[in-house]
């Protein structure tokens, strides 16, 4: 790994996209296949391990401090495959001894055997897709489990020794009421997860829900906003700190891997449709499992998109991504890093602060309030316009 000591190395995240599911949810637009084809799974395993081995020598100046298995449903793929991939990561990269190593799971594919295997291999964080506590709604949105299975899965996760559990929930589901959503939160809080992610349903083009959106009886925007604000209120009352628009944690249990996305950290993605941001470039693998396997194993083309991100664009991303988090944006940091004035942006933030949508913290950071998160797209658009107008002519878009 060269002559650099770990203290001299830069942090790096590793993301593994596991594109297999038991079944496709009605709202899901992530790249995944509903199959248990052993040959396809074996081909993916060979390809992703070869890809990791090939990439490792390109990052001698980095220490991997987060590894995240997402999908798809990694737990459906199985413990043996995930363990093999993690071994490949450790052999090819300098992985920190205290790295956060996460895998996503659905309640129906969680078993004691899987959990004990992964715990023994060094996995230390589980992200469990519960979504809601209403079995009728779970069936309607295409989830392959019941809430009782979710409760059982949590008990098994704890028994296996995992002390960092995150659960995913969705509000704004078809026919869901505010009272129903509040009940979901109260029931899930009884499970005492360290981390909770709460996402408003987005009906994405290309999904079954999009085709039938006119008949879904979805809560309107005002109801979704009420659900969101009640989420913040209820979780705050139970000791969960909102550190990002959709994410809440107890104590210091932020998702260290996801924070890389929101704070401009570097990461490498492996698997079909996996994205990377590394060495100043952003790139994504082909959104096709067969193409990915063939490309890796035959030295073919697997990169679908490759971008050199201009400094000016990074400045805009700093605003967009940091304002998703409780850390917010700091004028001095912005000016030093991007050589652009912060005063025009601060004038925009002061205006929104007068409306209760932004706040300036004691350390000089500006962040959005929960009410501000609801209109964050509008605020960020105004900030980007102010940024563009304040830049020298040669640096404008």
Protein backbone atom coordinates (compact mmCIF):
# COMPACT_ATOMS: atom_id res chain seq x y z
CA UNK A 1 0.00 0.00 0.00
CA UNK A 2 2.98 2.34 -0.43
CA UNK A 3 4.83 4.39 2.17
CA UNK A 4 1.99 6.61 3.34
CA UNK A 5 0.89 6.17 6.94
CA UNK A 6 -2.85 6.01 7.55
CA UNK A 7 -2.83 9.45 9.12
CA UNK A 8 -1.56 10.83 5.79
CA UNK A 9 -4.19 9.08 3.70
CA UNK A 10 -7.53 10.43 2.55
CA UNK A 11 -10.80 8.73 3.54
CA UNK A 12 -12.67 6.73 0.91
CA UNK A 13 -16.07 5.10 0.84
CA UNK A 14 -16.84 1.88 -1.05
CA UNK A 15 -20.35 1.20 -2.37
CA UNK A 16 -21.39 -2.24 -3.67
CA UNK A 17 -24.59 -2.32 -5.70
CA UNK A 18 -26.21 -5.75 -5.37
CA UNK A 19 -28.88 -5.85 -8.11
CA UNK A 20 -31.02 -8.77 -6.90
CA UNK A 21 -34.43 -8.79 -5.22
CA UNK A 22 -37.06 -11.33 -4.36
CA UNK A 23 -39.60 -9.06 -6.09
CA UNK A 24 -39.81 -5.48 -7.36
CA UNK A 25 -41.67 -2.95 -5.24
CA UNK A 26 -44.32 -0.90 -7.02
CA UNK A 27 -42.51 2.41 -6.35
CA UNK A 28 -38.89 1.34 -6.89
CA UNK A 29 -36.83 2.88 -9.70
CA UNK A 30 -33.44 1.55 -8.52
CA UNK A 31 -31.73 -0.87 -10.86
CA UNK A 32 -32.50 -4.42 -9.71
CA UNK A 33 -33.73 -7.76 -11.04
CA UNK A 34 -36.31 -10.02 -9.39
CA UNK A 35 -34.43 -13.29 -9.82
CA UNK A 36 -32.69 -16.06 -7.91
CA UNK A 37 -30.71 -17.22 -10.95
CA UNK A 38 -27.58 -18.82 -9.45
CA UNK A 39 -25.56 -18.46 -12.67
CA UNK A 40 -26.36 -14.77 -12.86
CA UNK A 41 -25.51 -14.28 -9.18
CA UNK A 42 -22.23 -16.18 -9.59
CA UNK A 43 -21.39 -14.09 -12.66
CA UNK A 44 -22.05 -10.90 -10.72
CA UNK A 45 -19.89 -12.11 -7.82
CA UNK A 46 -16.97 -12.93 -10.12
CA UNK A 47 -17.28 -9.63 -11.95
CA UNK A 48 -17.58 -7.37 -8.92
CA UNK A 49 -14.61 -9.06 -7.17
CA UNK A 50 -12.50 -8.71 -10.34
CA UNK A 51 -13.54 -5.05 -10.60
CA UNK A 52 -12.53 -4.40 -6.98
CA UNK A 53 -9.17 -6.11 -7.49
CA UNK A 54 -8.54 -3.99 -10.58
CA UNK A 55 -9.46 -0.72 -8.82
CA UNK A 56 -7.53 -1.23 -5.59
CA UNK A 57 -4.09 -0.22 -6.93
CA UNK A 58 -5.59 3.08 -8.16
CA UNK A 59 -6.17 4.24 -4.57
CA UNK A 60 -2.86 3.85 -2.68
CA UNK A 61 -3.31 7.19 -0.92
CA UNK A 62 -6.67 6.30 0.62
CA UNK A 63 -8.00 4.50 3.66
CA UNK A 64 -11.47 2.98 3.31
CA UNK A 65 -13.54 4.04 6.32
CA UNK A 66 -17.01 3.02 5.05
CA UNK A 67 -18.29 0.08 3.02
CA UNK A 68 -21.96 0.01 2.05
CA UNK A 69 -23.82 -2.89 0.40
CA UNK A 70 -27.01 -1.53 -1.20
CA UNK A 71 -29.36 -2.61 -3.90
CA UNK A 72 -31.51 -4.37 -4.69
CA UNK A 73 -31.62 -6.50 -1.57
CA UNK A 74 -28.17 -7.62 -0.39
CA UNK A 75 -29.67 -9.94 2.25
CA UNK A 76 -31.52 -11.75 -0.55
CA UNK A 77 -28.18 -12.19 -2.35
CA UNK A 78 -26.86 -13.97 0.72
CA UNK A 79 -24.17 -13.85 3.37
CA UNK A 80 -21.58 -15.95 1.53
CA UNK A 81 -21.55 -13.66 -1.49
CA UNK A 82 -21.34 -10.50 0.62
CA UNK A 83 -18.54 -11.98 2.72
CA UNK A 84 -16.59 -12.86 -0.44
CA UNK A 85 -16.96 -9.32 -1.74
CA UNK A 86 -15.90 -7.79 1.57
CA UNK A 87 -12.81 -10.02 1.58
CA UNK A 88 -11.98 -8.73 -1.91
CA UNK A 89 -12.33 -5.15 -0.67
CA UNK A 90 -9.97 -5.84 2.26
CA UNK A 91 -7.39 -7.51 0.01
CA UNK A 92 -7.44 -4.69 -2.54
CA UNK A 93 -7.84 -1.58 -0.34
CA UNK A 94 -6.49 -0.35 2.98
CA UNK A 95 -9.61 -0.77 5.13
CA UNK A 96 -9.68 0.92 8.52
CA UNK A 97 -10.05 -1.34 11.55
CA UNK A 98 -13.05 0.68 12.71
CA UNK A 99 -14.69 1.11 9.30
CA UNK A 100 -18.48 1.38 9.18
CA UNK A 101 -19.63 -1.68 7.19
CA UNK A 102 -23.34 -1.66 6.31
CA UNK A 103 -25.66 -4.01 4.46
CA UNK A 104 -29.26 -3.40 3.46
CA UNK A 105 -31.82 -6.06 4.28
CA UNK A 106 -35.49 -6.85 3.93
CA UNK A 107 -37.25 -8.54 6.87
CA UNK A 108 -38.22 -11.59 4.82
CA UNK A 109 -34.61 -12.47 3.97
CA UNK A 110 -33.12 -11.93 7.44
CA UNK A 111 -32.13 -15.17 9.19
CA UNK A 112 -29.99 -15.92 12.25
CA UNK A 113 -27.51 -17.80 10.03
CA UNK A 114 -27.09 -14.82 7.68
CA UNK A 115 -26.70 -12.37 10.55
CA UNK A 116 -24.14 -14.41 12.49
CA UNK A 117 -22.10 -15.01 9.33
CA UNK A 118 -22.00 -11.30 8.46
CA UNK A 119 -21.30 -10.23 12.04
CA UNK A 120 -18.34 -12.61 12.18
CA UNK A 121 -17.05 -11.17 8.90
CA UNK A 122 -16.97 -7.65 10.33
CA UNK A 123 -20.27 -6.14 9.21
CA UNK A 124 -21.39 -3.80 11.99
CA UNK A 125 -24.42 -1.89 10.69
CA UNK A 126 -27.78 -3.05 9.28
CA UNK A 127 -30.20 -0.95 7.25
CA UNK A 128 -33.60 -2.65 7.43
CA UNK A 129 -36.36 -1.78 4.97
CA UNK A 130 -39.56 -1.77 7.06
CA UNK A 131 -41.45 1.07 5.26
CA UNK A 132 -44.62 0.93 7.40
CA UNK A 133 -46.50 -1.14 10.00
CA UNK A 134 -49.69 -1.72 7.97
CA UNK A 135 -49.72 -5.13 6.27
CA UNK A 136 -52.40 -4.00 3.81
CA UNK A 137 -50.25 -1.07 2.71
CA UNK A 138 -47.15 -3.25 2.55
CA UNK A 139 -48.96 -5.59 0.16
CA UNK A 140 -50.26 -2.67 -1.89
CA UNK A 141 -46.77 -1.24 -2.45
CA UNK A 142 -45.32 -4.65 -3.29
CA UNK A 143 -43.25 -5.30 -0.17
CA UNK A 144 -42.51 -9.03 0.32
CA UNK A 145 -42.90 -9.04 4.12
CA UNK A 146 -45.28 -8.32 6.97
CA UNK A 147 -44.72 -6.02 9.92
CA UNK A 148 -44.53 -9.04 12.22
CA UNK A 149 -41.58 -10.26 10.15
CA UNK A 150 -39.95 -6.86 10.61
CA UNK A 151 -40.29 -7.08 14.39
CA UNK A 152 -38.84 -10.59 14.35
CA UNK A 153 -35.96 -9.44 12.13
CA UNK A 154 -35.07 -6.67 14.59
CA UNK A 155 -34.97 -9.18 17.46
CA UNK A 156 -32.70 -11.46 15.42
CA UNK A 157 -30.44 -8.54 14.47
CA UNK A 158 -30.00 -7.62 18.14
CA UNK A 159 -29.44 -11.23 19.18
CA UNK A 160 -26.69 -11.56 16.55
CA UNK A 161 -24.84 -8.68 18.20
CA UNK A 162 -25.52 -5.71 15.92
CA UNK A 163 -25.59 -2.45 17.89
CA UNK A 164 -26.14 -0.09 14.98
CA UNK A 165 -29.53 -0.56 13.34
CA UNK A 166 -31.12 1.78 10.83
CA UNK A 167 -34.69 1.40 9.60
CA UNK A 168 -36.21 2.84 6.43
CA UNK A 169 -39.77 4.18 6.44
CA UNK A 170 -41.96 5.77 3.74
CA UNK A 171 -44.78 8.28 4.27
CA UNK A 172 -47.30 9.53 1.76
CA UNK A 173 -48.33 6.00 0.75
CA UNK A 174 -51.62 5.35 -1.09
CA UNK A 175 -54.55 5.89 1.27
CA UNK A 176 -52.26 6.61 4.23
CA UNK A 177 -53.60 9.08 6.80
CA UNK A 178 -51.67 11.32 9.15
CA UNK A 179 -52.88 9.21 12.07
CA UNK A 180 -51.74 6.05 10.29
CA UNK A 181 -48.28 7.50 9.73
CA UNK A 182 -48.04 8.62 13.36
CA UNK A 183 -48.93 5.08 14.44
CA UNK A 184 -46.16 3.70 12.22
CA UNK A 185 -43.64 5.99 13.87
CA UNK A 186 -44.79 5.12 17.38
CA UNK A 187 -44.64 1.37 16.68
CA UNK A 188 -41.21 1.56 15.04
CA UNK A 189 -39.88 3.65 17.94
CA UNK A 190 -40.64 0.68 20.21
CA UNK A 191 -37.97 -1.22 18.26
CA UNK A 192 -35.39 1.37 19.45
CA UNK A 193 -33.29 1.67 16.28
CA UNK A 194 -30.21 3.86 16.44
CA UNK A 195 -31.08 5.48 13.10
CA UNK A 196 -34.31 6.16 11.19
CA UNK A 197 -34.66 7.26 7.56
CA UNK A 198 -38.08 8.68 6.62
CA UNK A 199 -38.75 9.31 2.93
CA UNK A 200 -41.77 10.89 1.30
CA UNK A 201 -43.09 8.70 -1.50
CA UNK A 202 -41.95 9.89 -4.92
CA UNK A 203 -43.80 8.38 -7.86
CA UNK A 204 -41.01 7.96 -10.41
CA UNK A 205 -41.50 7.55 -14.14
CA UNK A 206 -41.05 3.97 -15.30
CA UNK A 207 -42.43 2.37 -12.13
CA UNK A 208 -45.78 0.52 -11.84
CA UNK A 209 -47.00 3.27 -9.51
CA UNK A 210 -46.33 5.86 -12.19
CA UNK A 211 -48.51 3.98 -14.67
CA UNK A 212 -51.41 3.88 -12.20
CA UNK A 213 -50.78 7.18 -10.40
CA UNK A 214 -54.23 8.56 -11.21
CA UNK A 215 -55.86 5.80 -9.16
CA UNK A 216 -53.53 5.58 -6.16
CA UNK A 217 -55.34 7.88 -3.69
CA UNK A 218 -52.08 9.54 -2.72
CA UNK A 219 -51.92 12.13 0.08
CA UNK A 220 -51.59 15.60 -1.43
CA UNK A 221 -48.56 17.88 -0.98
CA UNK A 222 -50.05 19.58 2.09
CA UNK A 223 -50.67 16.24 3.77
CA UNK A 224 -47.15 15.06 2.95
CA UNK A 225 -45.82 18.28 4.47
CA UNK A 226 -47.87 17.68 7.63
CA UNK A 227 -46.54 14.12 7.82
CA UNK A 228 -42.99 15.39 7.48
CA UNK A 229 -43.27 18.03 10.18
CA UNK A 230 -44.93 15.56 12.56
CA UNK A 231 -42.05 13.16 11.86
CA UNK A 232 -39.53 15.78 12.95
CA UNK A 233 -41.57 16.63 16.04
CA UNK A 234 -42.17 13.04 17.15
CA UNK A 235 -38.60 11.87 16.60
CA UNK A 236 -37.12 14.93 18.27
CA UNK A 237 -39.28 14.18 21.29
CA UNK A 238 -37.78 10.68 21.44
CA UNK A 239 -34.19 11.87 21.30
CA UNK A 240 -33.52 11.53 17.57
CA UNK A 241 -31.49 14.35 16.04
CA UNK A 242 -32.32 15.36 12.49
CA UNK A 243 -28.96 15.57 10.77
CA UNK A 244 -30.22 15.47 7.16
CA UNK A 245 -33.53 16.16 5.43
CA UNK A 246 -34.72 12.55 5.73
CA UNK A 247 -32.40 11.10 8.36
CA UNK A 248 -32.49 11.00 12.15
CA UNK A 249 -30.21 9.38 14.69
CA UNK A 250 -29.61 8.90 18.38
CA UNK A 251 -26.27 9.97 19.83
CA UNK A 252 -23.56 9.90 17.12
CA UNK A 253 -25.08 7.22 14.90
CA UNK A 254 -25.12 9.17 11.65
CA UNK A 255 -24.65 7.12 8.49
CA UNK A 256 -20.96 7.83 7.93
CA UNK A 257 -21.17 6.48 4.40
CA UNK A 258 -24.12 8.62 3.32
CA UNK A 259 -22.49 11.68 4.85
CA UNK A 260 -19.81 11.33 2.18
CA UNK A 261 -22.45 12.00 -0.48
CA UNK A 262 -23.75 15.07 1.32
CA UNK A 263 -20.40 16.60 2.27
CA UNK A 264 -18.38 16.03 -0.89
CA UNK A 265 -16.41 12.99 0.25
CA UNK A 266 -14.87 10.56 -2.22
CA UNK A 267 -16.31 7.12 -2.92
CA UNK A 268 -16.00 4.29 -5.42
CA UNK A 269 -18.99 2.26 -6.60
CA UNK A 270 -18.94 -1.33 -7.86
CA UNK A 271 -21.75 -3.22 -9.59
CA UNK A 272 -24.19 -2.24 -12.36
CA UNK A 273 -25.39 1.38 -12.20
CA UNK A 274 -23.11 2.12 -9.22
CA UNK A 275 -21.83 5.70 -9.09
CA UNK A 276 -18.42 7.02 -8.04
CA UNK A 277 -16.90 10.38 -7.18
CA UNK A 278 -13.14 9.91 -7.14
CA UNK A 279 -10.06 11.99 -7.94
CA UNK A 280 -12.16 14.88 -9.22
CA UNK A 281 -14.19 12.76 -11.63
CA UNK A 282 -17.71 11.42 -11.39
CA UNK A 283 -18.64 8.24 -13.24
CA UNK A 284 -21.28 5.54 -13.29
CA UNK A 285 -21.29 1.91 -14.36
CA UNK A 286 -23.61 0.61 -17.06
CA UNK A 287 -27.22 0.04 -15.95
CA UNK A 288 -27.22 -3.53 -17.19
CA UNK A 289 -26.06 -6.58 -15.23
CA UNK A 290 -25.17 -8.67 -18.29
CA UNK A 291 -23.25 -5.76 -19.80
CA UNK A 292 -21.43 -5.16 -16.52
CA UNK A 293 -20.41 -8.81 -16.14
CA UNK A 294 -19.27 -9.11 -19.75
CA UNK A 295 -17.43 -5.78 -19.67
CA UNK A 296 -15.49 -6.58 -16.49
CA UNK A 297 -14.58 -10.14 -17.39
CA UNK A 298 -13.54 -9.32 -21.00
CA UNK A 299 -11.87 -5.94 -20.38
CA UNK A 300 -14.74 -4.22 -22.17
CA UNK A 301 -16.53 -0.92 -21.54
CA UNK A 302 -18.40 -0.69 -18.24
CA UNK A 303 -18.41 3.07 -17.59
CA UNK A 304 -21.65 4.58 -18.86
CA UNK A 305 -21.06 8.20 -17.81
CA UNK A 306 -17.82 10.04 -17.05
CA UNK A 307 -17.67 13.69 -16.00
CA UNK A 308 -14.86 16.03 -15.08
CA UNK A 309 -16.63 18.27 -12.56
CA UNK A 310 -15.64 21.95 -12.99
CA UNK A 311 -14.74 23.92 -9.87
CA UNK A 312 -17.80 26.16 -10.34
CA UNK A 313 -20.11 23.18 -10.43
CA UNK A 314 -18.57 21.86 -7.23
CA UNK A 315 -19.41 25.18 -5.58
CA UNK A 316 -23.07 24.72 -6.49
CA UNK A 317 -23.00 21.15 -5.23
CA UNK A 318 -21.55 22.36 -1.95
CA UNK A 319 -24.64 24.51 -1.45
CA UNK A 320 -27.12 21.88 -2.61
CA UNK A 321 -25.73 18.99 -0.62
CA UNK A 322 -24.62 20.75 2.56
CA UNK A 323 -28.01 22.41 2.95
CA UNK A 324 -29.54 18.94 3.11
CA UNK A 325 -27.70 18.49 6.40
CA UNK A 326 -27.71 20.04 9.86
CA UNK A 327 -24.09 21.05 9.28
CA UNK A 328 -25.23 23.60 6.72
CA UNK A 329 -22.88 25.96 4.88
CA UNK A 330 -20.13 28.14 6.32
CA UNK A 331 -19.27 31.39 4.57
CA UNK A 332 -15.56 31.29 5.32
CA UNK A 333 -15.27 27.70 4.13
CA UNK A 334 -17.18 28.48 0.96
CA UNK A 335 -15.05 31.53 0.10
CA UNK A 336 -11.76 29.77 0.83
CA UNK A 337 -12.64 26.64 -1.12
CA UNK A 338 -14.31 28.19 -4.16
CA UNK A 339 -12.91 31.77 -4.25
CA UNK A 340 -16.43 33.19 -4.54
CA UNK A 341 -18.15 35.80 -2.33
CA UNK A 342 -20.60 34.49 0.24
CA UNK A 343 -22.31 37.85 0.98
CA UNK A 344 -24.84 37.57 -1.93
CA UNK A 345 -25.79 34.10 -0.71
CA UNK A 346 -26.14 35.27 2.85
CA UNK A 347 -28.63 37.92 1.74
CA UNK A 348 -30.79 35.16 0.30
CA UNK A 349 -30.51 33.15 3.52
CA UNK A 350 -31.40 36.17 5.66
CA UNK A 351 -34.59 36.60 3.62
CA UNK A 352 -35.55 32.98 4.22
CA UNK A 353 -34.60 33.22 7.89
CA UNK A 354 -37.21 35.98 8.24
CA UNK A 355 -39.76 33.41 7.03
CA UNK A 356 -38.60 30.79 9.54
CA UNK A 357 -36.97 28.61 6.88
CA UNK A 358 -33.28 29.19 7.65
CA UNK A 359 -31.18 29.85 10.74
CA UNK A 360 -27.67 31.10 11.45
CA UNK A 361 -25.89 29.07 14.11
CA UNK A 362 -23.45 30.36 16.71
CA UNK A 363 -20.45 29.13 14.72
CA UNK A 364 -21.55 31.16 11.70
CA UNK A 365 -23.01 28.25 9.77
CA UNK A 366 -26.30 28.67 7.94
CA UNK A 367 -28.70 25.75 7.89
CA UNK A 368 -32.29 25.16 6.87
CA UNK A 369 -35.04 24.55 9.41
CA UNK A 370 -37.55 21.69 8.99
CA UNK A 371 -39.89 24.21 7.36
CA UNK A 372 -37.02 25.23 5.10
CA UNK A 373 -36.39 21.62 4.09
CA UNK A 374 -39.93 21.57 2.69
CA UNK A 375 -39.08 24.40 0.26
CA UNK A 376 -35.39 23.57 -0.12
CA UNK A 377 -35.59 23.35 -3.92
CA UNK A 378 -36.82 26.95 -4.11
CA UNK A 379 -34.17 28.20 -1.67
CA UNK A 380 -31.33 26.42 -3.43
CA UNK A 381 -32.48 27.72 -6.82
CA UNK A 382 -32.28 31.26 -5.47
CA UNK A 383 -28.84 30.60 -3.99
CA UNK A 384 -27.51 29.19 -7.26
CA UNK A 385 -28.83 32.22 -9.14
CA UNK A 386 -27.15 34.56 -6.63
CA UNK A 387 -23.94 32.55 -6.93
CA UNK A 388 -24.00 32.77 -10.70
CA UNK A 389 -24.65 36.50 -10.72
CA UNK A 390 -21.85 37.18 -8.22
CA UNK A 391 -19.19 35.27 -10.14
CA UNK A 392 -16.82 37.03 -12.55
CA UNK A 393 -18.16 36.92 -16.14
CA UNK A 394 -15.58 34.35 -17.22
CA UNK A 395 -16.68 31.99 -14.42
CA UNK A 396 -20.41 32.17 -15.01
CA UNK A 397 -22.23 29.22 -16.45
